[in-house]
Every structure is written in C-alpha cells, then in structure tokens.
Amino acid sequence: MAGGWAKDGAVSEQIEASISDELARMKARRAPVGESLTHCAECEEPIPDARRKAIPGVKLCVDCVAERDAVFKVRGGINRRGSKDSQLK
C-alpha cells in the first residue's frame, strides 16, 4: 500500500532502509579496531589481560564503559517520508 505520490512498496522499503542503517550503526559501534590498550583511554587505570584477550581492540576499562553506556543519548530520527504527518509526530 502506497499513499500520495509514493510507489507501491515504498513504506516497506523505508522500513527496511531504516533497519539496515541501524544495524550498520550498531555493528560499527561494537567492533573495536586496532590493538588493545594496556591502560584505559579515559581514566588511565590498567586494563586486565583477560579483558584485552576477550575483546580485541578494547580501549576502555569496565567502569568507564559502564559509565558511558549508562548515559542516555537522544538521537534524532530520519524523516524519509517528508510528509506533514510524519513531521508532526
């Protein structure tokens, strides 16, 4: 079902594109790159060998990661439709 000037299946394509974008963003965030640091990049505390072996490319200690993840981040949505209804929500 399409509405207005949109072609058939446009809504499904928009949903799939949004899901693909979010999955790509999550994969990029989870995959540390490079060599693990011996000390945390934020607090300079030593990072245990077990953590460095478990997560290659780790840059932060457990405490700093927990603190960072506890902070709520508001992300703006993407208005792919451009209709008045989607802008009002």
PDB file of N, CA and C in Angstrom:
ATOM      1  N   MET A   1       0.847  -1.179   0.000  1.00  0.00           N
ATOM      2  CA  MET A   1       0.000   0.000   0.000  1.00  0.00           C
ATOM      3  C   MET A   1       0.891   1.239   0.000  1.00  0.00           C
ATOM      4  N   ALA A   2       0.627   2.107  -0.936  1.00  0.00           N
ATOM      5  CA  ALA A   2       1.364   3.356  -1.021  1.00  0.00           C
ATOM      6  C   ALA A   2       0.376   4.508  -0.985  1.00  0.00           C
ATOM      7  N   GLY A   3       0.812   5.639  -0.538  1.00  0.00           N
ATOM      8  CA  GLY A   3      -0.071   6.786  -0.461  1.00  0.00           C
ATOM      9  C   GLY A   3       0.521   7.973  -1.175  1.00  0.00           C
ATOM     10  N   GLY A   4      -0.349   8.811  -1.726  1.00  0.00           N
ATOM     11  CA  GLY A   4       0.122  10.012  -2.392  1.00  0.00           C
ATOM     12  C   GLY A   4       0.938   9.682  -3.624  1.00  0.00           C
ATOM     13  N   TRP A   5       2.125  10.252  -3.718  1.00  0.00           N
ATOM     14  CA  TRP A   5       2.981  10.067  -4.882  1.00  0.00           C
ATOM     15  C   TRP A   5       3.938   8.886  -4.717  1.00  0.00           C
ATOM     16  N   ALA A   6       3.876   8.218  -3.589  1.00  0.00           N
ATOM     17  CA  ALA A   6       4.798   7.103  -3.337  1.00  0.00           C
ATOM     18  C   ALA A   6       4.409   5.885  -4.172  1.00  0.00           C
ATOM     19  N   LYS A   7       5.406   5.149  -4.618  1.00  0.00           N
ATOM     20  CA  LYS A   7       5.141   3.933  -5.396  1.00  0.00           C
ATOM     21  C   LYS A   7       4.753   2.792  -4.459  1.00  0.00           C
ATOM     22  N   ASP A   8       4.213   1.726  -5.022  1.00  0.00           N
ATOM     23  CA  ASP A   8       3.852   0.557  -4.222  1.00  0.00           C
ATOM     24  C   ASP A   8       5.095  -0.018  -3.557  1.00  0.00           C
ATOM     25  N   GLY A   9       4.987  -0.345  -2.279  1.00  0.00           N
ATOM     26  CA  GLY A   9       6.104  -0.926  -1.538  1.00  0.00           C
ATOM     27  C   GLY A   9       7.072   0.088  -0.965  1.00  0.00           C
ATOM     28  N   ALA A  10       6.769   1.384  -1.126  1.00  0.00           N
ATOM     29  CA  ALA A  10       7.685   2.421  -0.652  1.00  0.00           C
ATOM     30  C   ALA A  10       7.819   2.406   0.869  1.00  0.00           C
ATOM     31  N   VAL A  11       6.726   2.150   1.559  1.00  0.00           N
ATOM     32  CA  VAL A  11       6.779   2.127   3.023  1.00  0.00           C
ATOM     33  C   VAL A  11       7.657   0.984   3.499  1.00  0.00           C
ATOM     34  N   SER A  12       7.512  -0.183   2.881  1.00  0.00           N
ATOM     35  CA  SER A  12       8.353  -1.333   3.243  1.00  0.00           C
ATOM     36  C   SER A  12       9.819  -1.047   2.978  1.00  0.00           C
ATOM     37  N   GLU A  13      10.102  -0.399   1.860  1.00  0.00           N
ATOM     38  CA  GLU A  13      11.496  -0.049   1.537  1.00  0.00           C
ATOM     39  C   GLU A  13      12.063   0.919   2.573  1.00  0.00           C
ATOM     40  N   GLN A  14      11.257   1.857   3.023  1.00  0.00           N
ATOM     41  CA  GLN A  14      11.716   2.823   4.026  1.00  0.00           C
ATOM     42  C   GLN A  14      12.011   2.122   5.349  1.00  0.00           C
ATOM     43  N   ILE A  15      11.143   1.186   5.728  1.00  0.00           N
ATOM     44  CA  ILE A  15      11.350   0.453   6.973  1.00  0.00           C
ATOM     45  C   ILE A  15      12.616  -0.390   6.876  1.00  0.00           C
ATOM     46  N   GLU A  16      12.792  -1.089   5.762  1.00  0.00           N
ATOM     47  CA  GLU A  16      13.991  -1.912   5.573  1.00  0.00           C
ATOM     48  C   GLU A  16      15.257  -1.063   5.561  1.00  0.00           C
ATOM     49  N   ALA A  17      15.201   0.113   4.938  1.00  0.00           N
ATOM     50  CA  ALA A  17      16.357   1.003   4.915  1.00  0.00           C
ATOM     51  C   ALA A  17      16.698   1.491   6.322  1.00  0.00           C
ATOM     52  N   SER A  18      15.669   1.808   7.111  1.00  0.00           N
ATOM     53  CA  SER A  18      15.905   2.256   8.487  1.00  0.00           C
ATOM     54  C   SER A  18      16.542   1.150   9.324  1.00  0.00           C
ATOM     55  N   ILE A  19      16.051  -0.067   9.162  1.00  0.00           N
ATOM     56  CA  ILE A  19      16.601  -1.207   9.896  1.00  0.00           C
ATOM     57  C   ILE A  19      18.047  -1.452   9.479  1.00  0.00           C
ATOM     58  N   SER A  20      18.325  -1.409   8.182  1.00  0.00           N
ATOM     59  CA  SER A  20      19.696  -1.618   7.690  1.00  0.00           C
ATOM     60  C   SER A  20      20.651  -0.558   8.234  1.00  0.00           C
ATOM     61  N   ASP A  21      20.198   0.692   8.238  1.00  0.00           N
ATOM     62  CA  ASP A  21      21.035   1.780   8.766  1.00  0.00           C
ATOM     63  C   ASP A  21      21.357   1.564  10.237  1.00  0.00           C
ATOM     64  N   GLU A  22      20.349   1.175  11.019  1.00  0.00           N
ATOM     65  CA  GLU A  22      20.554   0.982  12.453  1.00  0.00           C
ATOM     66  C   GLU A  22      21.471  -0.206  12.725  1.00  0.00           C
ATOM     67  N   LEU A  23      21.297  -1.299  11.978  1.00  0.00           N
ATOM     68  CA  LEU A  23      22.179  -2.459  12.147  1.00  0.00           C
ATOM     69  C   LEU A  23      23.625  -2.113  11.805  1.00  0.00           C
ATOM     70  N   ALA A  24      23.826  -1.359  10.742  1.00  0.00           N
ATOM     71  CA  ALA A  24      25.183  -0.945  10.372  1.00  0.00           C
ATOM     72  C   ALA A  24      25.797  -0.071  11.460  1.00  0.00           C
ATOM     73  N   ARG A  25      24.991   0.835  12.036  1.00  0.00           N
ATOM     74  CA  ARG A  25      25.499   1.704  13.104  1.00  0.00           C
ATOM     75  C   ARG A  25      25.878   0.889  14.332  1.00  0.00           C
ATOM     76  N   MET A  26      25.059  -0.118  14.674  1.00  0.00           N
ATOM     77  CA  MET A  26      25.341  -0.944  15.844  1.00  0.00           C
ATOM     78  C   MET A  26      26.584  -1.803  15.633  1.00  0.00           C
ATOM     79  N   LYS A  27      26.746  -2.361  14.443  1.00  0.00           N
ATOM     80  CA  LYS A  27      27.924  -3.179  14.154  1.00  0.00           C
ATOM     81  C   LYS A  27      29.195  -2.343  14.211  1.00  0.00           C
ATOM     82  N   ALA A  28      29.125  -1.124  13.710  1.00  0.00           N
ATOM     83  CA  ALA A  28      30.297  -0.246  13.730  1.00  0.00           C
ATOM     84  C   ALA A  28      30.668   0.135  15.160  1.00  0.00           C
ATOM     85  N   ARG A  29      29.669   0.297  16.011  1.00  0.00           N
ATOM     86  CA  ARG A  29      29.951   0.688  17.393  1.00  0.00           C
ATOM     87  C   ARG A  29      30.550  -0.459  18.196  1.00  0.00           C
ATOM     88  N   ARG A  30      30.114  -1.685  17.918  1.00  0.00           N
ATOM     89  CA  ARG A  30      30.546  -2.827  18.715  1.00  0.00           C
ATOM     90  C   ARG A  30      31.919  -3.360  18.330  1.00  0.00           C
ATOM     91  N   ALA A  31      32.385  -3.071  17.157  1.00  0.00           N
ATOM     92  CA  ALA A  31      33.613  -3.675  16.680  1.00  0.00           C
ATOM     93  C   ALA A  31      34.817  -2.761  16.936  1.00  0.00           C
ATOM     94  N   PRO A  32      35.534  -2.979  18.048  1.00  0.00           N
ATOM     95  CA  PRO A  32      36.746  -2.184  18.276  1.00  0.00           C
ATOM     96  C   PRO A  32      37.796  -2.511  17.216  1.00  0.00           C
ATOM     97  N   VAL A  33      38.566  -1.528  16.854  1.00  0.00           N
ATOM     98  CA  VAL A  33      39.561  -1.703  15.808  1.00  0.00           C
ATOM     99  C   VAL A  33      40.944  -1.428  16.381  1.00  0.00           C
ATOM    100  N   GLY A  34      41.922  -2.147  15.894  1.00  0.00           N
ATOM    101  CA  GLY A  34      43.295  -1.913  16.310  1.00  0.00           C
ATOM    102  C   GLY A  34      43.704  -2.779  17.485  1.00  0.00           C
ATOM    103  N   GLU A  35      44.815  -2.418  18.054  1.00  0.00           N
ATOM    104  CA  GLU A  35      45.366  -3.179  19.171  1.00  0.00           C
ATOM    105  C   GLU A  35      44.801  -2.675  20.494  1.00  0.00           C
ATOM    106  N   SER A  36      44.613  -3.578  21.433  1.00  0.00           N
ATOM    107  CA  SER A  36      44.105  -3.205  22.755  1.00  0.00           C
ATOM    108  C   SER A  36      45.109  -2.335  23.494  1.00  0.00           C
ATOM    109  N   LEU A  37      44.582  -1.405  24.266  1.00  0.00           N
ATOM    110  CA  LEU A  37      45.438  -0.573  25.105  1.00  0.00           C
ATOM    111  C   LEU A  37      45.709  -1.291  26.427  1.00  0.00           C
ATOM    112  N   THR A  38      46.834  -0.988  27.037  1.00  0.00           N
ATOM    113  CA  THR A  38      47.145  -1.576  28.338  1.00  0.00           C
ATOM    114  C   THR A  38      46.506  -0.771  29.468  1.00  0.00           C
ATOM    115  N   HIS A  39      46.213   0.515  29.198  1.00  0.00           N
ATOM    116  CA  HIS A  39      45.577   1.394  30.185  1.00  0.00           C
ATOM    117  C   HIS A  39      44.375   2.074  29.540  1.00  0.00           C
ATOM    118  N   CYS A  40      43.374   2.328  30.343  1.00  0.00           N
ATOM    119  CA  CYS A  40      42.130   2.938  29.875  1.00  0.00           C
ATOM    120  C   CYS A  40      42.405   4.304  29.244  1.00  0.00           C
ATOM    121  N   ALA A  41      41.730   4.580  28.134  1.00  0.00           N
ATOM    122  CA  ALA A  41      41.906   5.854  27.430  1.00  0.00           C
ATOM    123  C   ALA A  41      41.308   7.028  28.200  1.00  0.00           C
ATOM    124  N   GLU A  42      40.381   6.772  29.107  1.00  0.00           N
ATOM    125  CA  GLU A  42      39.748   7.866  29.852  1.00  0.00           C
ATOM    126  C   GLU A  42      40.318   8.068  31.245  1.00  0.00           C
ATOM    127  N   CYS A  43      40.484   6.975  32.010  1.00  0.00           N
ATOM    128  CA  CYS A  43      40.894   7.146  33.416  1.00  0.00           C
ATOM    129  C   CYS A  43      42.323   6.659  33.695  1.00  0.00           C
ATOM    130  N   GLU A  44      42.990   6.109  32.703  1.00  0.00           N
ATOM    131  CA  GLU A  44      44.386   5.644  32.821  1.00  0.00           C
ATOM    132  C   GLU A  44      44.583   4.456  33.763  1.00  0.00           C
ATOM    133  N   GLU A  45      43.494   3.808  34.194  1.00  0.00           N
ATOM    134  CA  GLU A  45      43.618   2.600  35.019  1.00  0.00           C
ATOM    135  C   GLU A  45      44.057   1.438  34.124  1.00  0.00           C
ATOM    136  N   PRO A  46      44.822   0.489  34.658  1.00  0.00           N
ATOM    137  CA  PRO A  46      45.231  -0.664  33.836  1.00  0.00           C
ATOM    138  C   PRO A  46      44.030  -1.509  33.422  1.00  0.00           C
ATOM    139  N   ILE A  47      44.059  -1.972  32.172  1.00  0.00           N
ATOM    140  CA  ILE A  47      43.016  -2.865  31.667  1.00  0.00           C
ATOM    141  C   ILE A  47      43.518  -4.291  31.862  1.00  0.00           C
ATOM    142  N   PRO A  48      42.766  -5.155  32.540  1.00  0.00           N
ATOM    143  CA  PRO A  48      43.221  -6.525  32.804  1.00  0.00           C
ATOM    144  C   PRO A  48      43.480  -7.308  31.508  1.00  0.00           C
ATOM    145  N   ASP A  49      44.457  -8.216  31.578  1.00  0.00           N
ATOM    146  CA  ASP A  49      44.806  -9.028  30.407  1.00  0.00           C
ATOM    147  C   ASP A  49      43.611  -9.827  29.903  1.00  0.00           C
ATOM    148  N   ALA A  50      42.792 -10.338  30.825  1.00  0.00           N
ATOM    149  CA  ALA A  50      41.635 -11.139  30.421  1.00  0.00           C
ATOM    150  C   ALA A  50      40.671 -10.312  29.556  1.00  0.00           C
ATOM    151  N   ARG A  51      40.464  -9.048  29.903  1.00  0.00           N
ATOM    152  CA  ARG A  51      39.579  -8.187  29.109  1.00  0.00           C
ATOM    153  C   ARG A  51      40.189  -7.898  27.747  1.00  0.00           C
ATOM    154  N   ARG A  52      41.482  -7.652  27.704  1.00  0.00           N
ATOM    155  CA  ARG A  52      42.142  -7.372  26.424  1.00  0.00           C
ATOM    156  C   ARG A  52      42.116  -8.583  25.496  1.00  0.00           C
ATOM    157  N   LYS A  53      42.206  -9.789  26.072  1.00  0.00           N
ATOM    158  CA  LYS A  53      42.141 -11.000  25.249  1.00  0.00           C
ATOM    159  C   LYS A  53      40.709 -11.288  24.801  1.00  0.00           C
ATOM    160  N   ALA A  54      39.738 -11.014  25.671  1.00  0.00           N
ATOM    161  CA  ALA A  54      38.335 -11.289  25.348  1.00  0.00           C
ATOM    162  C   ALA A  54      37.789 -10.333  24.289  1.00  0.00           C
ATOM    163  N   ILE A  55      38.228  -9.082  24.331  1.00  0.00           N
ATOM    164  CA  ILE A  55      37.736  -8.067  23.389  1.00  0.00           C
ATOM    165  C   ILE A  55      38.935  -7.420  22.695  1.00  0.00           C
ATOM    166  N   PRO A  56      39.334  -7.938  21.546  1.00  0.00           N
ATOM    167  CA  PRO A  56      40.467  -7.340  20.828  1.00  0.00           C
ATOM    168  C   PRO A  56      40.166  -5.890  20.452  1.00  0.00           C
ATOM    169  N   GLY A  57      41.109  -5.010  20.675  1.00  0.00           N
ATOM    170  CA  GLY A  57      40.947  -3.610  20.335  1.00  0.00           C
ATOM    171  C   GLY A  57      40.283  -2.771  21.412  1.00  0.00           C
ATOM    172  N   VAL A  58      40.172  -3.320  22.635  1.00  0.00           N
ATOM    173  CA  VAL A  58      39.495  -2.602  23.711  1.00  0.00           C
ATOM    174  C   VAL A  58      40.303  -1.371  24.112  1.00  0.00           C
ATOM    175  N   LYS A  59      39.581  -0.271  24.370  1.00  0.00           N
ATOM    176  CA  LYS A  59      40.240   0.995  24.719  1.00  0.00           C
ATOM    177  C   LYS A  59      39.859   1.495  26.106  1.00  0.00           C
ATOM    178  N   LEU A  60      38.750   0.979  26.685  1.00  0.00           N
ATOM    179  CA  LEU A  60      38.257   1.467  27.962  1.00  0.00           C
ATOM    180  C   LEU A  60      38.165   0.344  28.982  1.00  0.00           C
ATOM    181  N   CYS A  61      38.302   0.713  30.248  1.00  0.00           N
ATOM    182  CA  CYS A  61      38.125  -0.265  31.327  1.00  0.00           C
ATOM    183  C   CYS A  61      36.629  -0.527  31.537  1.00  0.00           C
ATOM    184  N   VAL A  62      36.312  -1.523  32.327  1.00  0.00           N
ATOM    185  CA  VAL A  62      34.917  -1.907  32.553  1.00  0.00           C
ATOM    186  C   VAL A  62      34.123  -0.759  33.185  1.00  0.00           C
ATOM    187  N   ASP A  63      34.701  -0.063  34.150  1.00  0.00           N
ATOM    188  CA  ASP A  63      34.000   1.034  34.824  1.00  0.00           C
ATOM    189  C   ASP A  63      33.656   2.168  33.862  1.00  0.00           C
ATOM    190  N   CYS A  64      34.596   2.530  32.998  1.00  0.00           N
ATOM    191  CA  CYS A  64      34.353   3.624  32.049  1.00  0.00           C
ATOM    192  C   CYS A  64      33.317   3.230  31.003  1.00  0.00           C
ATOM    193  N   VAL A  65      33.335   1.982  30.567  1.00  0.00           N
ATOM    194  CA  VAL A  65      32.341   1.515  29.605  1.00  0.00           C
ATOM    195  C   VAL A  65      30.960   1.533  30.240  1.00  0.00           C
ATOM    196  N   ALA A  66      30.853   1.065  31.485  1.00  0.00           N
ATOM    197  CA  ALA A  66      29.569   1.053  32.180  1.00  0.00           C
ATOM    198  C   ALA A  66      29.045   2.478  32.366  1.00  0.00           C
ATOM    199  N   GLU A  67      29.929   3.401  32.696  1.00  0.00           N
ATOM    200  CA  GLU A  67      29.528   4.798  32.876  1.00  0.00           C
ATOM    201  C   GLU A  67      29.062   5.407  31.560  1.00  0.00           C
ATOM    202  N   ARG A  68      29.783   5.122  30.480  1.00  0.00           N
ATOM    203  CA  ARG A  68      29.416   5.643  29.164  1.00  0.00           C
ATOM    204  C   ARG A  68      28.078   5.074  28.700  1.00  0.00           C
ATOM    205  N   ASP A  69      27.863   3.790  28.912  1.00  0.00           N
ATOM    206  CA  ASP A  69      26.630   3.153  28.462  1.00  0.00           C
ATOM    207  C   ASP A  69      25.420   3.569  29.293  1.00  0.00           C
ATOM    208  N   ALA A  70      25.643   4.051  30.506  1.00  0.00           N
ATOM    209  CA  ALA A  70      24.541   4.464  31.374  1.00  0.00           C
ATOM    210  C   ALA A  70      23.971   5.820  30.957  1.00  0.00           C
ATOM    211  N   VAL A  71      24.733   6.589  30.202  1.00  0.00           N
ATOM    212  CA  VAL A  71      24.291   7.908  29.772  1.00  0.00           C
ATOM    213  C   VAL A  71      23.295   7.744  28.622  1.00  0.00           C
ATOM    214  N   PHE A  72      22.105   8.343  28.790  1.00  0.00           N
ATOM    215  CA  PHE A  72      21.068   8.264  27.769  1.00  0.00           C
ATOM    216  C   PHE A  72      21.376   9.252  26.657  1.00  0.00           C
ATOM    217  N   LYS A  73      21.366   8.780  25.416  1.00  0.00           N
ATOM    218  CA  LYS A  73      21.647   9.646  24.276  1.00  0.00           C
ATOM    219  C   LYS A  73      20.406   9.717  23.394  1.00  0.00           C
ATOM    220  N   VAL A  74      19.953  10.933  23.134  1.00  0.00           N
ATOM    221  CA  VAL A  74      18.817  11.132  22.258  1.00  0.00           C
ATOM    222  C   VAL A  74      19.343  11.264  20.836  1.00  0.00           C
ATOM    223  N   ARG A  75      18.770  10.452  19.964  1.00  0.00           N
ATOM    224  CA  ARG A  75      19.158  10.533  18.555  1.00  0.00           C
ATOM    225  C   ARG A  75      17.977  11.031  17.755  1.00  0.00           C
ATOM    226  N   GLY A  76      18.228  11.924  16.864  1.00  0.00           N
ATOM    227  CA  GLY A  76      17.156  12.408  16.003  1.00  0.00           C
ATOM    228  C   GLY A  76      16.812  11.373  14.953  1.00  0.00           C
ATOM    229  N   GLY A  77      15.552  11.221  14.688  1.00  0.00           N
ATOM    230  CA  GLY A  77      15.117  10.271  13.673  1.00  0.00           C
ATOM    231  C   GLY A  77      15.272  10.851  12.282  1.00  0.00           C
ATOM    232  N   ILE A  78      15.234   9.995  11.310  1.00  0.00           N
ATOM    233  CA  ILE A  78      15.338  10.427   9.923  1.00  0.00           C
ATOM    234  C   ILE A  78      13.940  10.454   9.339  1.00  0.00           C
ATOM    235  N   ASN A  79      13.551  11.578   8.813  1.00  0.00           N
ATOM    236  CA  ASN A  79      12.244  11.710   8.186  1.00  0.00           C
ATOM    237  C   ASN A  79      12.393  11.382   6.710  1.00  0.00           C
ATOM    238  N   ARG A  80      12.237  10.127   6.365  1.00  0.00           N
ATOM    239  CA  ARG A  80      12.392   9.713   4.971  1.00  0.00           C
ATOM    240  C   ARG A  80      11.159  10.069   4.144  1.00  0.00           C
ATOM    241  N   ARG A  81      10.010  10.171   4.787  1.00  0.00           N
ATOM    242  CA  ARG A  81       8.776  10.416   4.063  1.00  0.00           C
ATOM    243  C   ARG A  81       8.630  11.864   3.633  1.00  0.00           C
ATOM    244  N   GLY A  82       8.905  12.746   4.528  1.00  0.00           N
ATOM    245  CA  GLY A  82       8.804  14.164   4.201  1.00  0.00           C
ATOM    246  C   GLY A  82       7.368  14.694   4.212  1.00  0.00           C
ATOM    247  N   SER A  83       6.409  13.910   4.703  1.00  0.00           N
ATOM    248  CA  SER A  83       5.028  14.384   4.736  1.00  0.00           C
ATOM    249  C   SER A  83       4.787  15.192   6.002  1.00  0.00           C
ATOM    250  N   LYS A  84       3.711  15.967   6.002  1.00  0.00           N
ATOM    251  CA  LYS A  84       3.380  16.763   7.175  1.00  0.00           C
ATOM    252  C   LYS A  84       3.078  15.876   8.380  1.00  0.00           C
ATOM    253  N   ASP A  85       2.404  14.757   8.138  1.00  0.00           N
ATOM    254  CA  ASP A  85       2.045  13.849   9.242  1.00  0.00           C
ATOM    255  C   ASP A  85       3.284  13.325   9.946  1.00  0.00           C
ATOM    256  N   SER A  86       4.310  12.934   9.202  1.00  0.00           N
ATOM    257  CA  SER A  86       5.494  12.369   9.844  1.00  0.00           C
ATOM    258  C   SER A  86       6.299  13.438  10.568  1.00  0.00           C
ATOM    259  N   GLN A  87       6.170  14.692  10.158  1.00  0.00           N
ATOM    260  CA  GLN A  87       6.891  15.766  10.821  1.00  0.00           C
ATOM    261  C   GLN A  87       6.219  16.197  12.117  1.00  0.00           C
ATOM    262  N   LEU A  88       4.927  15.955  12.229  1.00  0.00           N
ATOM    263  CA  LEU A  88       4.193  16.355  13.423  1.00  0.00           C
ATOM    264  C   LEU A  88       4.373  15.381  14.583  1.00  0.00           C
ATOM    265  N   LYS A  89       4.759  14.158  14.307  1.00  0.00           N
ATOM    266  CA  LYS A  89       4.864  13.136  15.358  1.00  0.00           C
ATOM    267  C   LYS A  89       6.073  13.324  16.209  1.00  0.00           C
TER     268      LYS A  89
END
